[in-house]
Amino acid sequence: MKIGILGTGNIGKTLVRELSAAGHDVKVANARGPETIGPELLSSGARAVTAPEAFKDVEVVILSIPLNRIPDIAPLVAGLPDDTVVIDTSNYYPFRDNRIEAIEGGQVESLWVSEQLGRPIAKAWNAIGSASLAKKGKPAGTPGRIAIPVAADRDRDREVAMALVGDTGLDVFDAGHLADSWRQQPGAPAYCTDLTREEMGSALVAAERDRLPKRRDLGVAVMQERIGDSTTNPDEDWGVRLVRVINM
């Protein structure tokens, strides 16, 4: 498929590598310009482009940017054909994204994103830590393969997102509609706990909506105390252990 990826943070970089290695035609952009994207990220065949170019002549756009930047790229998304699949990987963290009143008031993060963009989206790759995504992908059928939830309202969005998740070395669990995607937000049992597909369904059901913000913020506080920095991601084993203790 022809894919444009916006964002070269830890999640975005892995998606660029994995999806281009899987044979997809990948263009990647960031806020600083294509000249800042190093050759090592392009070694599997991806091309560095400007942000507007990443949205041209593609079947899928993947947004791997901080949630508070979503409104800034709405004009680019507005120019996409209706059948282009838009996949969002973001999560709301107030310390980074500033306070978003609608989400603080209870709006589901994915619905807020869809509202800002003025179109349907799929939610994927938000419920796995960047280190696990980079290091723990396995071939389909491997016992113990990590699964992540995918939520969407349109069948095409869901089907495409689920297929691409499989291409990044993960099993996929159909998590239903965007209105239910709060079950895969930070603080939920399904969030960054590296579960299998057999375990994922019960984790989504076990989510307690009112407890998500407190659990999310506790996780940030513990990581900041342990690492000394609220933006550095923990390694794939320590981070998973921490989140399982807090969220499950």
C-alpha atoms as a PDB file:
ATOM      1  CA  MET A   1       0.000   0.000   0.000  1.00  0.00           C
ATOM      2  CA  LYS A   2       1.011   3.627  -0.421  1.00  0.00           C
ATOM      3  CA  ILE A   3       1.495   4.991   3.099  1.00  0.00           C
ATOM      4  CA  GLY A   4       2.381   8.419   4.422  1.00  0.00           C
ATOM      5  CA  ILE A   5       3.692   8.584   7.988  1.00  0.00           C
ATOM      6  CA  LEU A   6       3.846  11.879   9.850  1.00  0.00           C
ATOM      7  CA  GLY A   7       6.158  11.816  12.826  1.00  0.00           C
ATOM      8  CA  THR A   8       9.612  10.397  13.531  1.00  0.00           C
ATOM      9  CA  GLY A   9       9.415   9.820  17.261  1.00  0.00           C
ATOM     10  CA  ASN A  10       9.981   6.364  18.715  1.00  0.00           C
ATOM     11  CA  ILE A  11       6.686   4.901  17.465  1.00  0.00           C
ATOM     12  CA  GLY A  12       6.869   6.619  14.070  1.00  0.00           C
ATOM     13  CA  LYS A  13      10.397   5.398  13.399  1.00  0.00           C
ATOM     14  CA  THR A  14       9.493   1.787  14.058  1.00  0.00           C
ATOM     15  CA  LEU A  15       6.416   2.017  11.847  1.00  0.00           C
ATOM     16  CA  VAL A  16       8.530   3.440   9.029  1.00  0.00           C
ATOM     17  CA  ARG A  17      11.033   0.604   9.304  1.00  0.00           C
ATOM     18  CA  GLU A  18       8.558  -2.234   9.730  1.00  0.00           C
ATOM     19  CA  LEU A  19       6.051  -1.189   7.085  1.00  0.00           C
ATOM     20  CA  SER A  20       8.651  -0.388   4.439  1.00  0.00           C
ATOM     21  CA  ALA A  21      10.420  -3.685   5.191  1.00  0.00           C
ATOM     22  CA  ALA A  22       7.053  -5.425   4.713  1.00  0.00           C
ATOM     23  CA  GLY A  23       6.942  -4.120   1.151  1.00  0.00           C
ATOM     24  CA  HIS A  24       4.761  -1.024   1.503  1.00  0.00           C
ATOM     25  CA  ASP A  25       5.551   2.197  -0.357  1.00  0.00           C
ATOM     26  CA  VAL A  26       6.292   4.480   2.600  1.00  0.00           C
ATOM     27  CA  LYS A  27       6.829   8.226   2.702  1.00  0.00           C
ATOM     28  CA  VAL A  28       7.847   9.803   6.005  1.00  0.00           C
ATOM     29  CA  ALA A  29       7.776  13.405   7.172  1.00  0.00           C
ATOM     30  CA  ASN A  30       8.353  15.354  10.351  1.00  0.00           C
ATOM     31  CA  ALA A  31       7.993  18.945  11.485  1.00  0.00           C
ATOM     32  CA  ARG A  32      11.655  19.792  10.827  1.00  0.00           C
ATOM     33  CA  GLY A  33      11.938  18.855   7.167  1.00  0.00           C
ATOM     34  CA  PRO A  34      13.145  15.860   5.144  1.00  0.00           C
ATOM     35  CA  GLU A  35      16.785  16.863   5.447  1.00  0.00           C
ATOM     36  CA  THR A  36      16.627  16.019   9.169  1.00  0.00           C
ATOM     37  CA  ILE A  37      15.581  12.407   8.545  1.00  0.00           C
ATOM     38  CA  GLY A  38      18.685  10.237   8.624  1.00  0.00           C
ATOM     39  CA  PRO A  39      19.564   7.524   6.094  1.00  0.00           C
ATOM     40  CA  GLU A  40      19.321   4.762   8.699  1.00  0.00           C
ATOM     41  CA  LEU A  41      15.565   5.316   8.954  1.00  0.00           C
ATOM     42  CA  LEU A  42      15.271   5.035   5.180  1.00  0.00           C
ATOM     43  CA  SER A  43      17.352   1.878   4.844  1.00  0.00           C
ATOM     44  CA  SER A  44      14.308  -0.339   4.201  1.00  0.00           C
ATOM     45  CA  GLY A  45      13.135   1.782   1.289  1.00  0.00           C
ATOM     46  CA  ALA A  46      11.107   4.622   2.834  1.00  0.00           C
ATOM     47  CA  ARG A  47      11.448   8.123   1.369  1.00  0.00           C
ATOM     48  CA  ALA A  48      11.824  11.354   3.329  1.00  0.00           C
ATOM     49  CA  VAL A  49       9.412  14.067   2.176  1.00  0.00           C
ATOM     50  CA  THR A  50       7.779  17.253   3.399  1.00  0.00           C
ATOM     51  CA  ALA A  51       4.602  17.022   5.453  1.00  0.00           C
ATOM     52  CA  PRO A  52       2.322  18.091   2.567  1.00  0.00           C
ATOM     53  CA  GLU A  53       3.981  15.524   0.294  1.00  0.00           C
ATOM     54  CA  ALA A  54       3.307  12.756   2.838  1.00  0.00           C
ATOM     55  CA  PHE A  55      -0.422  13.356   2.314  1.00  0.00           C
ATOM     56  CA  LYS A  56      -0.360  13.183  -1.489  1.00  0.00           C
ATOM     57  CA  ASP A  57      -1.158  10.070  -3.548  1.00  0.00           C
ATOM     58  CA  VAL A  58      -1.411   7.722  -0.564  1.00  0.00           C
ATOM     59  CA  GLU A  59      -3.970   5.145   0.537  1.00  0.00           C
ATOM     60  CA  VAL A  60      -3.138   5.422   4.222  1.00  0.00           C
ATOM     61  CA  VAL A  61      -1.897   8.224   6.459  1.00  0.00           C
ATOM     62  CA  ILE A  62      -0.489   7.341   9.885  1.00  0.00           C
ATOM     63  CA  LEU A  63      -0.286  10.149  12.426  1.00  0.00           C
ATOM     64  CA  SER A  64       2.447   9.536  14.994  1.00  0.00           C
ATOM     65  CA  ILE A  65       2.597  12.978  16.578  1.00  0.00           C
ATOM     66  CA  PRO A  66       1.720  14.389  20.017  1.00  0.00           C
ATOM     67  CA  LEU A  67      -2.024  14.651  20.459  1.00  0.00           C
ATOM     68  CA  ASN A  68      -1.941  18.420  20.933  1.00  0.00           C
ATOM     69  CA  ARG A  69      -0.534  18.836  17.415  1.00  0.00           C
ATOM     70  CA  ILE A  70      -3.523  17.151  15.799  1.00  0.00           C
ATOM     71  CA  PRO A  71      -5.406  20.432  15.148  1.00  0.00           C
ATOM     72  CA  ASP A  72      -2.334  21.848  13.379  1.00  0.00           C
ATOM     73  CA  ILE A  73      -2.392  19.198  10.676  1.00  0.00           C
ATOM     74  CA  ALA A  74      -6.164  19.284  10.121  1.00  0.00           C
ATOM     75  CA  PRO A  75      -5.756  21.355   6.897  1.00  0.00           C
ATOM     76  CA  LEU A  76      -3.543  18.632   5.412  1.00  0.00           C
ATOM     77  CA  VAL A  77      -6.020  15.927   6.360  1.00  0.00           C
ATOM     78  CA  ALA A  78      -8.884  17.949   4.878  1.00  0.00           C
ATOM     79  CA  GLY A  79      -7.374  17.513   1.429  1.00  0.00           C
ATOM     80  CA  LEU A  80      -7.398  13.714   1.552  1.00  0.00           C
ATOM     81  CA  PRO A  81      -9.956  11.702  -0.447  1.00  0.00           C
ATOM     82  CA  ASP A  82     -12.744  10.271   1.669  1.00  0.00           C
ATOM     83  CA  ASP A  83     -11.561   6.694   1.198  1.00  0.00           C
ATOM     84  CA  THR A  84      -8.044   7.383   2.479  1.00  0.00           C
ATOM     85  CA  VAL A  85      -7.521   5.596   5.776  1.00  0.00           C
ATOM     86  CA  VAL A  86      -6.248   7.820   8.588  1.00  0.00           C
ATOM     87  CA  ILE A  87      -4.718   6.004  11.560  1.00  0.00           C
ATOM     88  CA  ASP A  88      -3.910   7.834  14.775  1.00  0.00           C
ATOM     89  CA  THR A  89      -1.374   6.493  17.281  1.00  0.00           C
ATOM     90  CA  SER A  90      -1.533   9.288  19.856  1.00  0.00           C
ATOM     91  CA  ASN A  91      -2.436   9.372  23.545  1.00  0.00           C
ATOM     92  CA  TYR A  92      -3.349  12.240  25.831  1.00  0.00           C
ATOM     93  CA  TYR A  93      -0.790  13.148  28.476  1.00  0.00           C
ATOM     94  CA  PRO A  94      -1.553  16.502  30.105  1.00  0.00           C
ATOM     95  CA  PHE A  95       2.079  17.175  31.107  1.00  0.00           C
ATOM     96  CA  ARG A  96       2.982  17.112  27.389  1.00  0.00           C
ATOM     97  CA  ASP A  97      -0.189  18.082  25.586  1.00  0.00           C
ATOM     98  CA  ASN A  98      -1.343  20.845  27.938  1.00  0.00           C
ATOM     99  CA  ARG A  99      -4.841  20.640  29.340  1.00  0.00           C
ATOM    100  CA  ILE A 100      -7.521  19.777  26.757  1.00  0.00           C
ATOM    101  CA  GLU A 101     -10.799  20.605  28.418  1.00  0.00           C
ATOM    102  CA  ALA A 102     -12.991  18.319  26.306  1.00  0.00           C
ATOM    103  CA  ILE A 103     -10.873  15.280  27.173  1.00  0.00           C
ATOM    104  CA  GLU A 104     -10.591  16.328  30.812  1.00  0.00           C
ATOM    105  CA  GLY A 105     -14.386  16.477  30.771  1.00  0.00           C
ATOM    106  CA  GLY A 106     -14.644  12.879  29.612  1.00  0.00           C
ATOM    107  CA  GLN A 107     -14.557  12.945  25.807  1.00  0.00           C
ATOM    108  CA  VAL A 108     -12.909   9.840  24.378  1.00  0.00           C
ATOM    109  CA  GLU A 109      -9.496  10.751  22.989  1.00  0.00           C
ATOM    110  CA  SER A 110     -10.134   9.151  19.598  1.00  0.00           C
ATOM    111  CA  LEU A 111     -13.433  10.995  19.220  1.00  0.00           C
ATOM    112  CA  TRP A 112     -11.674  14.265  20.006  1.00  0.00           C
ATOM    113  CA  VAL A 113      -9.099  13.521  17.310  1.00  0.00           C
ATOM    114  CA  SER A 114     -11.793  12.598  14.797  1.00  0.00           C
ATOM    115  CA  GLU A 115     -13.636  15.818  15.640  1.00  0.00           C
ATOM    116  CA  GLN A 116     -10.504  17.936  15.173  1.00  0.00           C
ATOM    117  CA  LEU A 117      -9.787  16.332  11.811  1.00  0.00           C
ATOM    118  CA  GLY A 118     -13.384  16.364  10.634  1.00  0.00           C
ATOM    119  CA  ARG A 119     -13.318  12.756   9.444  1.00  0.00           C
ATOM    120  CA  PRO A 120     -13.349   9.133  10.625  1.00  0.00           C
ATOM    121  CA  ILE A 121     -10.092   7.608  11.845  1.00  0.00           C
ATOM    122  CA  ALA A 122      -8.763   4.321  13.132  1.00  0.00           C
ATOM    123  CA  LYS A 123      -6.934   4.042  16.438  1.00  0.00           C
ATOM    124  CA  ALA A 124      -3.934   1.708  16.477  1.00  0.00           C
ATOM    125  CA  TRP A 125      -0.416   1.341  17.935  1.00  0.00           C
ATOM    126  CA  ASN A 126      -1.326   3.623  20.828  1.00  0.00           C
ATOM    127  CA  ALA A 127      -1.524   0.767  23.347  1.00  0.00           C
ATOM    128  CA  ILE A 128       2.013  -0.579  23.063  1.00  0.00           C
ATOM    129  CA  GLY A 129       5.213   0.908  24.415  1.00  0.00           C
ATOM    130  CA  SER A 130       7.713   2.102  21.854  1.00  0.00           C
ATOM    131  CA  ALA A 131      10.413  -0.297  23.085  1.00  0.00           C
ATOM    132  CA  SER A 132       8.064  -3.287  22.855  1.00  0.00           C
ATOM    133  CA  LEU A 133       6.982  -2.255  19.359  1.00  0.00           C
ATOM    134  CA  ALA A 134      10.600  -1.959  18.260  1.00  0.00           C
ATOM    135  CA  LYS A 135      11.876  -5.185  19.831  1.00  0.00           C
ATOM    136  CA  LYS A 136       9.069  -7.676  20.386  1.00  0.00           C
ATOM    137  CA  GLY A 137       7.437  -8.129  17.003  1.00  0.00           C
ATOM    138  CA  LYS A 138       7.207 -11.768  15.888  1.00  0.00           C
ATOM    139  CA  PRO A 139       5.997 -13.677  12.822  1.00  0.00           C
ATOM    140  CA  ALA A 140       2.308 -14.534  12.657  1.00  0.00           C
ATOM    141  CA  GLY A 141       1.485 -17.730  14.513  1.00  0.00           C
ATOM    142  CA  THR A 142       4.342 -17.422  17.003  1.00  0.00           C
ATOM    143  CA  PRO A 143       3.161 -18.476  20.491  1.00  0.00           C
ATOM    144  CA  GLY A 144       2.893 -15.545  22.888  1.00  0.00           C
ATOM    145  CA  ARG A 145       2.811 -12.933  20.142  1.00  0.00           C
ATOM    146  CA  ILE A 146       1.778  -9.532  21.530  1.00  0.00           C
ATOM    147  CA  ALA A 147      -1.618  -8.232  20.453  1.00  0.00           C
ATOM    148  CA  ILE A 148      -2.839  -4.644  20.351  1.00  0.00           C
ATOM    149  CA  PRO A 149      -6.394  -3.290  20.061  1.00  0.00           C
ATOM    150  CA  VAL A 150      -7.647  -1.463  16.969  1.00  0.00           C
ATOM    151  CA  ALA A 151     -10.783   0.674  17.040  1.00  0.00           C
ATOM    152  CA  ALA A 152     -12.603   2.284  14.107  1.00  0.00           C
ATOM    153  CA  ASP A 153     -16.095   3.174  12.941  1.00  0.00           C
ATOM    154  CA  ARG A 154     -15.706   2.378   9.231  1.00  0.00           C
ATOM    155  CA  ASP A 155     -15.104  -1.181   8.093  1.00  0.00           C
ATOM    156  CA  ARG A 156     -12.372  -0.187   5.610  1.00  0.00           C
ATOM    157  CA  ASP A 157     -10.490   1.794   8.242  1.00  0.00           C
ATOM    158  CA  ARG A 158     -10.630  -1.146  10.645  1.00  0.00           C
ATOM    159  CA  GLU A 159      -9.617  -3.743   8.066  1.00  0.00           C
ATOM    160  CA  VAL A 160      -6.663  -1.747   6.742  1.00  0.00           C
ATOM    161  CA  ALA A 161      -5.403  -0.832  10.202  1.00  0.00           C
ATOM    162  CA  MET A 162      -5.635  -4.428  11.375  1.00  0.00           C
ATOM    163  CA  ALA A 163      -3.724  -5.680   8.342  1.00  0.00           C
ATOM    164  CA  LEU A 164      -0.947  -3.138   8.860  1.00  0.00           C
ATOM    165  CA  VAL A 165      -0.671  -3.996  12.544  1.00  0.00           C
ATOM    166  CA  GLY A 166       0.004  -7.579  11.481  1.00  0.00           C
ATOM    167  CA  ASP A 167       2.786  -6.307   9.219  1.00  0.00           C
ATOM    168  CA  THR A 168       4.520  -4.779  12.240  1.00  0.00           C
ATOM    169  CA  GLY A 169       4.882  -8.136  13.978  1.00  0.00           C
ATOM    170  CA  LEU A 170       1.829  -7.988  16.222  1.00  0.00           C
ATOM    171  CA  ASP A 171      -1.461  -9.797  16.572  1.00  0.00           C
ATOM    172  CA  VAL A 172      -4.526  -7.594  16.463  1.00  0.00           C
ATOM    173  CA  PHE A 173      -7.727  -7.454  18.473  1.00  0.00           C
ATOM    174  CA  ASP A 174     -10.847  -5.800  17.066  1.00  0.00           C
ATOM    175  CA  ALA A 175     -11.751  -3.348  19.830  1.00  0.00           C
ATOM    176  CA  GLY A 176     -14.952  -2.103  18.217  1.00  0.00           C
ATOM    177  CA  HIS A 177     -15.965   1.497  17.634  1.00  0.00           C
ATOM    178  CA  LEU A 178     -14.148   4.695  18.526  1.00  0.00           C
ATOM    179  CA  ALA A 179     -16.661   5.414  21.274  1.00  0.00           C
ATOM    180  CA  ASP A 180     -15.297   2.356  23.087  1.00  0.00           C
ATOM    181  CA  SER A 181     -11.635   3.159  22.470  1.00  0.00           C
ATOM    182  CA  TRP A 182     -11.306   4.668  25.953  1.00  0.00           C
ATOM    183  CA  ARG A 183     -10.687   1.060  26.945  1.00  0.00           C
ATOM    184  CA  GLN A 184      -7.264   1.273  25.248  1.00  0.00           C
ATOM    185  CA  GLN A 185      -6.304   4.699  26.605  1.00  0.00           C
ATOM    186  CA  PRO A 186      -3.492   5.267  29.136  1.00  0.00           C
ATOM    187  CA  GLY A 187      -4.406   3.823  32.525  1.00  0.00           C
ATOM    188  CA  ALA A 188      -6.397   0.912  31.101  1.00  0.00           C
ATOM    189  CA  PRO A 189      -5.434  -2.769  31.585  1.00  0.00           C
ATOM    190  CA  ALA A 190      -4.923  -3.136  27.828  1.00  0.00           C
ATOM    191  CA  TYR A 191      -2.531  -0.189  27.647  1.00  0.00           C
ATOM    192  CA  CYS A 192       1.161  -1.093  27.244  1.00  0.00           C
ATOM    193  CA  THR A 193       0.841  -4.377  29.132  1.00  0.00           C
ATOM    194  CA  ASP A 194       2.020  -6.614  26.249  1.00  0.00           C
ATOM    195  CA  LEU A 195      -0.895  -9.034  26.322  1.00  0.00           C
ATOM    196  CA  THR A 196      -1.653 -11.826  23.879  1.00  0.00           C
ATOM    197  CA  ARG A 197      -4.791 -11.880  21.744  1.00  0.00           C
ATOM    198  CA  GLU A 198      -6.320 -14.418  24.123  1.00  0.00           C
ATOM    199  CA  GLU A 199      -5.774 -12.041  27.044  1.00  0.00           C
ATOM    200  CA  MET A 200      -6.774  -8.810  25.336  1.00  0.00           C
ATOM    201  CA  GLY A 201     -10.564  -9.231  25.365  1.00  0.00           C
ATOM    202  CA  SER A 202     -10.839  -9.580  29.127  1.00  0.00           C
ATOM    203  CA  ALA A 203      -8.427  -6.674  29.643  1.00  0.00           C
ATOM    204  CA  LEU A 204     -10.600  -4.370  27.554  1.00  0.00           C
ATOM    205  CA  VAL A 205     -13.706  -5.450  29.452  1.00  0.00           C
ATOM    206  CA  ALA A 206     -11.973  -4.857  32.797  1.00  0.00           C
ATOM    207  CA  ALA A 207     -11.227  -1.179  32.085  1.00  0.00           C
ATOM    208  CA  GLU A 208     -12.717   1.251  34.608  1.00  0.00           C
ATOM    209  CA  ARG A 209     -13.191   4.591  32.915  1.00  0.00           C
ATOM    210  CA  ASP A 210     -13.181   6.766  36.025  1.00  0.00           C
ATOM    211  CA  ARG A 211      -9.843   5.354  37.149  1.00  0.00           C
ATOM    212  CA  LEU A 212      -7.896   5.907  33.915  1.00  0.00           C
ATOM    213  CA  PRO A 213      -6.588   9.456  34.577  1.00  0.00           C
ATOM    214  CA  LYS A 214      -5.290   8.629  38.057  1.00  0.00           C
ATOM    215  CA  ARG A 215      -3.561   5.485  36.844  1.00  0.00           C
ATOM    216  CA  ARG A 216      -2.102   7.352  33.838  1.00  0.00           C
ATOM    217  CA  ASP A 217      -0.706  10.115  36.025  1.00  0.00           C
ATOM    218  CA  LEU A 218       0.653   7.659  38.586  1.00  0.00           C
ATOM    219  CA  GLY A 219       2.564   5.870  35.849  1.00  0.00           C
ATOM    220  CA  VAL A 220       4.080   9.151  34.679  1.00  0.00           C
ATOM    221  CA  ALA A 221       5.040  10.122  38.232  1.00  0.00           C
ATOM    222  CA  VAL A 222       6.747   6.783  38.923  1.00  0.00           C
ATOM    223  CA  MET A 223       8.656   6.889  35.646  1.00  0.00           C
ATOM    224  CA  GLN A 224       9.743  10.459  36.303  1.00  0.00           C
ATOM    225  CA  GLU A 225      11.025   9.476  39.739  1.00  0.00           C
ATOM    226  CA  ARG A 226      12.773   6.349  38.452  1.00  0.00           C
ATOM    227  CA  ILE A 227      14.212   7.797  35.235  1.00  0.00           C
ATOM    228  CA  GLY A 228      14.360  11.440  36.269  1.00  0.00           C
ATOM    229  CA  ASP A 229      12.594  12.510  33.101  1.00  0.00           C
ATOM    230  CA  SER A 230       8.922  12.288  32.108  1.00  0.00           C
ATOM    231  CA  THR A 231       9.656  12.078  28.383  1.00  0.00           C
ATOM    232  CA  THR A 232      12.239   9.266  28.224  1.00  0.00           C
ATOM    233  CA  ASN A 233      10.604   5.918  27.518  1.00  0.00           C
ATOM    234  CA  PRO A 234      11.520   2.988  29.800  1.00  0.00           C
ATOM    235  CA  ASP A 235      12.905  -0.248  28.426  1.00  0.00           C
ATOM    236  CA  GLU A 236      10.445  -2.856  27.236  1.00  0.00           C
ATOM    237  CA  ASP A 237      10.616  -5.034  30.348  1.00  0.00           C
ATOM    238  CA  TRP A 238      10.672  -2.525  33.216  1.00  0.00           C
ATOM    239  CA  GLY A 239       7.988  -0.388  31.581  1.00  0.00           C
ATOM    240  CA  VAL A 240       5.639  -3.317  31.078  1.00  0.00           C
ATOM    241  CA  ARG A 241       6.090  -4.498  34.671  1.00  0.00           C
ATOM    242  CA  LEU A 242       5.312  -1.018  35.971  1.00  0.00           C
ATOM    243  CA  VAL A 243       2.201  -0.547  33.887  1.00  0.00           C
ATOM    244  CA  ARG A 244       0.871  -3.996  34.751  1.00  0.00           C
ATOM    245  CA  VAL A 245       1.177  -3.250  38.458  1.00  0.00           C
ATOM    246  CA  ILE A 246      -0.637   0.077  38.085  1.00  0.00           C
ATOM    247  CA  ASN A 247      -3.251  -0.705  35.414  1.00  0.00           C
ATOM    248  CA  MET A 248      -4.123  -4.316  36.166  1.00  0.00           C
END
